[in-house]
Amino acid sequence: MQANYDLLARQLEALLDSRDWLTNSAQTCAFIMHSVPDLNWVGFYLQRQPELLSLGPFQGKPACHPIPFDKGVCGAAARSLATQRVDDVHAVAEHIACDAASRAELVVPILNGERLWGVLDLDSPLPARFAAVDQAGIEQLAAVFTSRSDLDAAD
């Protein structure tokens, strides 16, 4: 079952009626987890220190914390400021295995202007779960989150 990301973006816009980044990030995680099929983890990692991501709101099993920029798929997204879509996380040498059931991962950097605020991380137990349409759709949902949230208040 393919998600209708245009519809999900409109629904997320309606859901995020607060400028509060913490409320909106928690709501975004829950919304994606329950709206996009075949996920086992959705969450934010925030940049609080140079070259380090700290765990933020999430849905799923307990997660790894912290994540250095030089490790894992989240670190690669933070370093490059580019979305990372991985079909098989076990093929990534520096992958951080928080949940052995995860097979595919999609990580979207969240920018506040030109500065990295954090990343939105999605995991799936299905290999090659994320196609280009999912990447574009999740990037669209991340843009809704960014436009509706006061990311400066997170500093």
C-alpha atoms as a PDB file:
ATOM      1  CA  MET A   1       0.000   0.000   0.000  1.00  0.00           C
ATOM      2  CA  GLN A   2       1.501   3.305  -1.143  1.00  0.00           C
ATOM      3  CA  ALA A   3       1.002   6.398   1.015  1.00  0.00           C
ATOM      4  CA  ASN A   4      -0.748   9.415  -0.509  1.00  0.00           C
ATOM      5  CA  TYR A   5       1.830  12.005   0.533  1.00  0.00           C
ATOM      6  CA  ASP A   6      -0.087  15.031  -0.789  1.00  0.00           C
ATOM      7  CA  LEU A   7      -3.031  14.079   1.428  1.00  0.00           C
ATOM      8  CA  LEU A   8      -0.713  13.322   4.353  1.00  0.00           C
ATOM      9  CA  ALA A   9       0.937  16.752   3.970  1.00  0.00           C
ATOM     10  CA  ARG A  10      -2.444  18.488   4.171  1.00  0.00           C
ATOM     11  CA  GLN A  11      -3.405  16.414   7.216  1.00  0.00           C
ATOM     12  CA  LEU A  12      -0.089  17.149   8.940  1.00  0.00           C
ATOM     13  CA  GLU A  13      -0.497  20.880   8.277  1.00  0.00           C
ATOM     14  CA  ALA A  14      -3.878  20.762  10.015  1.00  0.00           C
ATOM     15  CA  LEU A  15      -2.466  18.748  12.915  1.00  0.00           C
ATOM     16  CA  LEU A  16       0.451  21.080  13.609  1.00  0.00           C
ATOM     17  CA  ASP A  17      -1.470  24.068  14.934  1.00  0.00           C
ATOM     18  CA  SER A  18       1.224  25.074  17.406  1.00  0.00           C
ATOM     19  CA  ARG A  19       4.575  26.731  16.656  1.00  0.00           C
ATOM     20  CA  ASP A  20       6.080  24.652  19.501  1.00  0.00           C
ATOM     21  CA  TRP A  21       8.859  22.524  17.971  1.00  0.00           C
ATOM     22  CA  LEU A  22       8.642  19.884  20.707  1.00  0.00           C
ATOM     23  CA  THR A  23       4.895  19.348  20.360  1.00  0.00           C
ATOM     24  CA  ASN A  24       5.152  19.400  16.573  1.00  0.00           C
ATOM     25  CA  SER A  25       8.046  16.941  16.455  1.00  0.00           C
ATOM     26  CA  ALA A  26       6.193  14.497  18.723  1.00  0.00           C
ATOM     27  CA  GLN A  27       3.024  14.877  16.657  1.00  0.00           C
ATOM     28  CA  THR A  28       4.939  14.453  13.392  1.00  0.00           C
ATOM     29  CA  CYS A  29       6.540  11.201  14.575  1.00  0.00           C
ATOM     30  CA  ALA A  30       3.230   9.735  15.733  1.00  0.00           C
ATOM     31  CA  PHE A  31       1.473  10.869  12.555  1.00  0.00           C
ATOM     32  CA  ILE A  32       4.071   9.325  10.234  1.00  0.00           C
ATOM     33  CA  MET A  33       4.304   6.108  12.263  1.00  0.00           C
ATOM     34  CA  HIS A  34       0.550   5.568  11.994  1.00  0.00           C
ATOM     35  CA  SER A  35       0.077   6.882   8.438  1.00  0.00           C
ATOM     36  CA  VAL A  36       2.957   5.363   6.471  1.00  0.00           C
ATOM     37  CA  PRO A  37       2.924   1.560   6.215  1.00  0.00           C
ATOM     38  CA  ASP A  38       5.737  -0.847   7.090  1.00  0.00           C
ATOM     39  CA  LEU A  39       7.710   1.276   9.551  1.00  0.00           C
ATOM     40  CA  ASN A  40       9.157   0.143  12.864  1.00  0.00           C
ATOM     41  CA  TRP A  41      10.715   3.433  14.008  1.00  0.00           C
ATOM     42  CA  VAL A  42      10.247   7.154  13.314  1.00  0.00           C
ATOM     43  CA  GLY A  43      12.061   9.887  15.165  1.00  0.00           C
ATOM     44  CA  PHE A  44      14.053  13.061  15.293  1.00  0.00           C
ATOM     45  CA  TYR A  45      17.700  13.401  16.200  1.00  0.00           C
ATOM     46  CA  LEU A  46      18.659  16.969  17.085  1.00  0.00           C
ATOM     47  CA  GLN A  47      21.978  18.727  16.730  1.00  0.00           C
ATOM     48  CA  ARG A  48      22.715  20.068  20.195  1.00  0.00           C
ATOM     49  CA  GLN A  49      26.526  19.872  20.074  1.00  0.00           C
ATOM     50  CA  PRO A  50      28.980  20.140  17.194  1.00  0.00           C
ATOM     51  CA  GLU A  51      29.234  16.923  15.155  1.00  0.00           C
ATOM     52  CA  LEU A  52      26.767  15.071  17.422  1.00  0.00           C
ATOM     53  CA  LEU A  53      23.072  14.169  17.157  1.00  0.00           C
ATOM     54  CA  SER A  54      20.956  13.753  20.297  1.00  0.00           C
ATOM     55  CA  LEU A  55      17.787  11.691  20.482  1.00  0.00           C
ATOM     56  CA  GLY A  56      14.569  13.693  20.237  1.00  0.00           C
ATOM     57  CA  PRO A  57      10.910  12.673  20.100  1.00  0.00           C
ATOM     58  CA  PHE A  58      10.302   9.293  18.466  1.00  0.00           C
ATOM     59  CA  GLN A  59       7.919   6.367  18.022  1.00  0.00           C
ATOM     60  CA  GLY A  60       9.237   2.819  18.349  1.00  0.00           C
ATOM     61  CA  LYS A  61      11.706   0.853  20.446  1.00  0.00           C
ATOM     62  CA  PRO A  62      14.309   2.654  22.573  1.00  0.00           C
ATOM     63  CA  ALA A  63      16.954   4.183  20.341  1.00  0.00           C
ATOM     64  CA  CYS A  64      20.670   4.835  20.131  1.00  0.00           C
ATOM     65  CA  HIS A  65      21.966   8.036  21.704  1.00  0.00           C
ATOM     66  CA  PRO A  66      24.037  10.013  20.862  1.00  0.00           C
ATOM     67  CA  ILE A  67      25.009   9.584  17.209  1.00  0.00           C
ATOM     68  CA  PRO A  68      28.266  11.161  16.001  1.00  0.00           C
ATOM     69  CA  PHE A  69      28.263  12.676  12.526  1.00  0.00           C
ATOM     70  CA  ASP A  70      30.855  10.107  11.387  1.00  0.00           C
ATOM     71  CA  LYS A  71      28.636   7.086  12.188  1.00  0.00           C
ATOM     72  CA  GLY A  72      25.551   5.597  10.619  1.00  0.00           C
ATOM     73  CA  VAL A  73      22.981   6.769   8.139  1.00  0.00           C
ATOM     74  CA  CYS A  74      21.836   9.616  10.398  1.00  0.00           C
ATOM     75  CA  GLY A  75      25.429  10.820  10.694  1.00  0.00           C
ATOM     76  CA  ALA A  76      25.787  10.716   6.898  1.00  0.00           C
ATOM     77  CA  ALA A  77      22.639  12.833   6.476  1.00  0.00           C
ATOM     78  CA  ALA A  78      23.920  15.329   9.046  1.00  0.00           C
ATOM     79  CA  ARG A  79      27.381  15.514   7.437  1.00  0.00           C
ATOM     80  CA  SER A  80      26.147  15.883   3.876  1.00  0.00           C
ATOM     81  CA  LEU A  81      22.930  17.829   4.559  1.00  0.00           C
ATOM     82  CA  ALA A  82      21.365  15.460   2.018  1.00  0.00           C
ATOM     83  CA  THR A  83      18.653  12.834   2.361  1.00  0.00           C
ATOM     84  CA  GLN A  84      19.970   9.305   2.745  1.00  0.00           C
ATOM     85  CA  ARG A  85      17.906   6.399   1.387  1.00  0.00           C
ATOM     86  CA  VAL A  86      19.341   2.970   2.179  1.00  0.00           C
ATOM     87  CA  ASP A  87      17.833  -0.268   0.880  1.00  0.00           C
ATOM     88  CA  ASP A  88      19.833  -2.544   3.203  1.00  0.00           C
ATOM     89  CA  VAL A  89      21.317  -1.008   6.340  1.00  0.00           C
ATOM     90  CA  HIS A  90      23.356  -4.165   6.982  1.00  0.00           C
ATOM     91  CA  ALA A  91      25.387  -3.319   3.864  1.00  0.00           C
ATOM     92  CA  VAL A  92      26.433   0.049   5.365  1.00  0.00           C
ATOM     93  CA  ALA A  93      29.761  -0.390   7.154  1.00  0.00           C
ATOM     94  CA  GLU A  94      29.204   2.303   9.792  1.00  0.00           C
ATOM     95  CA  HIS A  95      25.501   1.495  10.351  1.00  0.00           C
ATOM     96  CA  ILE A  96      24.410   1.782  13.984  1.00  0.00           C
ATOM     97  CA  ALA A  97      22.099  -1.136  14.761  1.00  0.00           C
ATOM     98  CA  CYS A  98      19.613   0.085  17.350  1.00  0.00           C
ATOM     99  CA  ASP A  99      17.008  -2.490  16.290  1.00  0.00           C
ATOM    100  CA  ALA A 100      18.214  -5.642  14.544  1.00  0.00           C
ATOM    101  CA  ALA A 101      14.822  -5.874  12.798  1.00  0.00           C
ATOM    102  CA  SER A 102      15.456  -2.687  10.802  1.00  0.00           C
ATOM    103  CA  ARG A 103      16.520  -3.330   7.222  1.00  0.00           C
ATOM    104  CA  ALA A 104      15.862  -0.096   5.291  1.00  0.00           C
ATOM    105  CA  GLU A 105      16.322   3.502   6.387  1.00  0.00           C
ATOM    106  CA  LEU A 106      15.386   6.958   5.162  1.00  0.00           C
ATOM    107  CA  VAL A 107      16.914  10.012   6.842  1.00  0.00           C
ATOM    108  CA  VAL A 108      15.967  13.595   5.937  1.00  0.00           C
ATOM    109  CA  PRO A 109      18.036  16.518   7.262  1.00  0.00           C
ATOM    110  CA  ILE A 110      16.031  19.300   8.891  1.00  0.00           C
ATOM    111  CA  LEU A 111      17.505  22.739   8.261  1.00  0.00           C
ATOM    112  CA  ASN A 112      16.822  25.984  10.075  1.00  0.00           C
ATOM    113  CA  GLY A 113      17.867  28.396   7.383  1.00  0.00           C
ATOM    114  CA  GLU A 114      21.299  27.144   6.304  1.00  0.00           C
ATOM    115  CA  ARG A 115      22.033  25.465   9.655  1.00  0.00           C
ATOM    116  CA  LEU A 116      21.380  21.825  10.522  1.00  0.00           C
ATOM    117  CA  TRP A 117      18.683  21.560  13.198  1.00  0.00           C
ATOM    118  CA  GLY A 118      18.484  17.763  13.177  1.00  0.00           C
ATOM    119  CA  VAL A 119      17.331  14.807  11.105  1.00  0.00           C
ATOM    120  CA  LEU A 120      14.076  12.915  10.658  1.00  0.00           C
ATOM    121  CA  ASP A 121      14.835   9.176  10.682  1.00  0.00           C
ATOM    122  CA  LEU A 122      12.522   6.398   9.426  1.00  0.00           C
ATOM    123  CA  ASP A 123      13.315   2.695   9.722  1.00  0.00           C
ATOM    124  CA  SER A 124      11.548  -0.274   8.173  1.00  0.00           C
ATOM    125  CA  PRO A 125      11.861  -4.023   8.716  1.00  0.00           C
ATOM    126  CA  LEU A 126      11.431  -4.488   4.945  1.00  0.00           C
ATOM    127  CA  PRO A 127      14.506  -4.350   2.693  1.00  0.00           C
ATOM    128  CA  ALA A 128      14.274  -1.638   0.014  1.00  0.00           C
ATOM    129  CA  ARG A 129      11.114  -0.262   1.664  1.00  0.00           C
ATOM    130  CA  PHE A 130      11.715   3.330   0.556  1.00  0.00           C
ATOM    131  CA  ALA A 131      11.370   4.295  -3.104  1.00  0.00           C
ATOM    132  CA  ALA A 132      11.978   7.709  -4.665  1.00  0.00           C
ATOM    133  CA  VAL A 133       8.285   8.556  -4.164  1.00  0.00           C
ATOM    134  CA  ASP A 134       8.641   7.861  -0.427  1.00  0.00           C
ATOM    135  CA  GLN A 135      11.746  10.014  -0.237  1.00  0.00           C
ATOM    136  CA  ALA A 136       9.948  12.916  -1.935  1.00  0.00           C
ATOM    137  CA  GLY A 137       6.874  12.393   0.256  1.00  0.00           C
ATOM    138  CA  ILE A 138       8.790  12.290   3.537  1.00  0.00           C
ATOM    139  CA  GLU A 139      10.799  15.341   2.455  1.00  0.00           C
ATOM    140  CA  GLN A 140       7.431  17.041   1.853  1.00  0.00           C
ATOM    141  CA  LEU A 141       6.259  16.103   5.374  1.00  0.00           C
ATOM    142  CA  ALA A 142       9.562  17.328   6.829  1.00  0.00           C
ATOM    143  CA  ALA A 143       9.011  20.651   5.042  1.00  0.00           C
ATOM    144  CA  VAL A 144       5.551  20.915   6.618  1.00  0.00           C
ATOM    145  CA  PHE A 145       7.099  20.292  10.048  1.00  0.00           C
ATOM    146  CA  THR A 146       9.782  22.920   9.421  1.00  0.00           C
ATOM    147  CA  SER A 147       7.332  25.537   8.159  1.00  0.00           C
ATOM    148  CA  ARG A 148       4.972  25.044  11.115  1.00  0.00           C
ATOM    149  CA  SER A 149       7.611  24.934  13.902  1.00  0.00           C
ATOM    150  CA  ASP A 150       9.696  27.575  15.660  1.00  0.00           C
ATOM    151  CA  LEU A 151      13.035  25.806  15.333  1.00  0.00           C
ATOM    152  CA  ASP A 152      14.904  28.760  16.849  1.00  0.00           C
ATOM    153  CA  ALA A 153      13.209  28.007  20.180  1.00  0.00           C
ATOM    154  CA  ALA A 154      14.977  24.622  20.283  1.00  0.00           C
ATOM    155  CA  ASP A 155      18.396  26.229  20.773  1.00  0.00           C
END
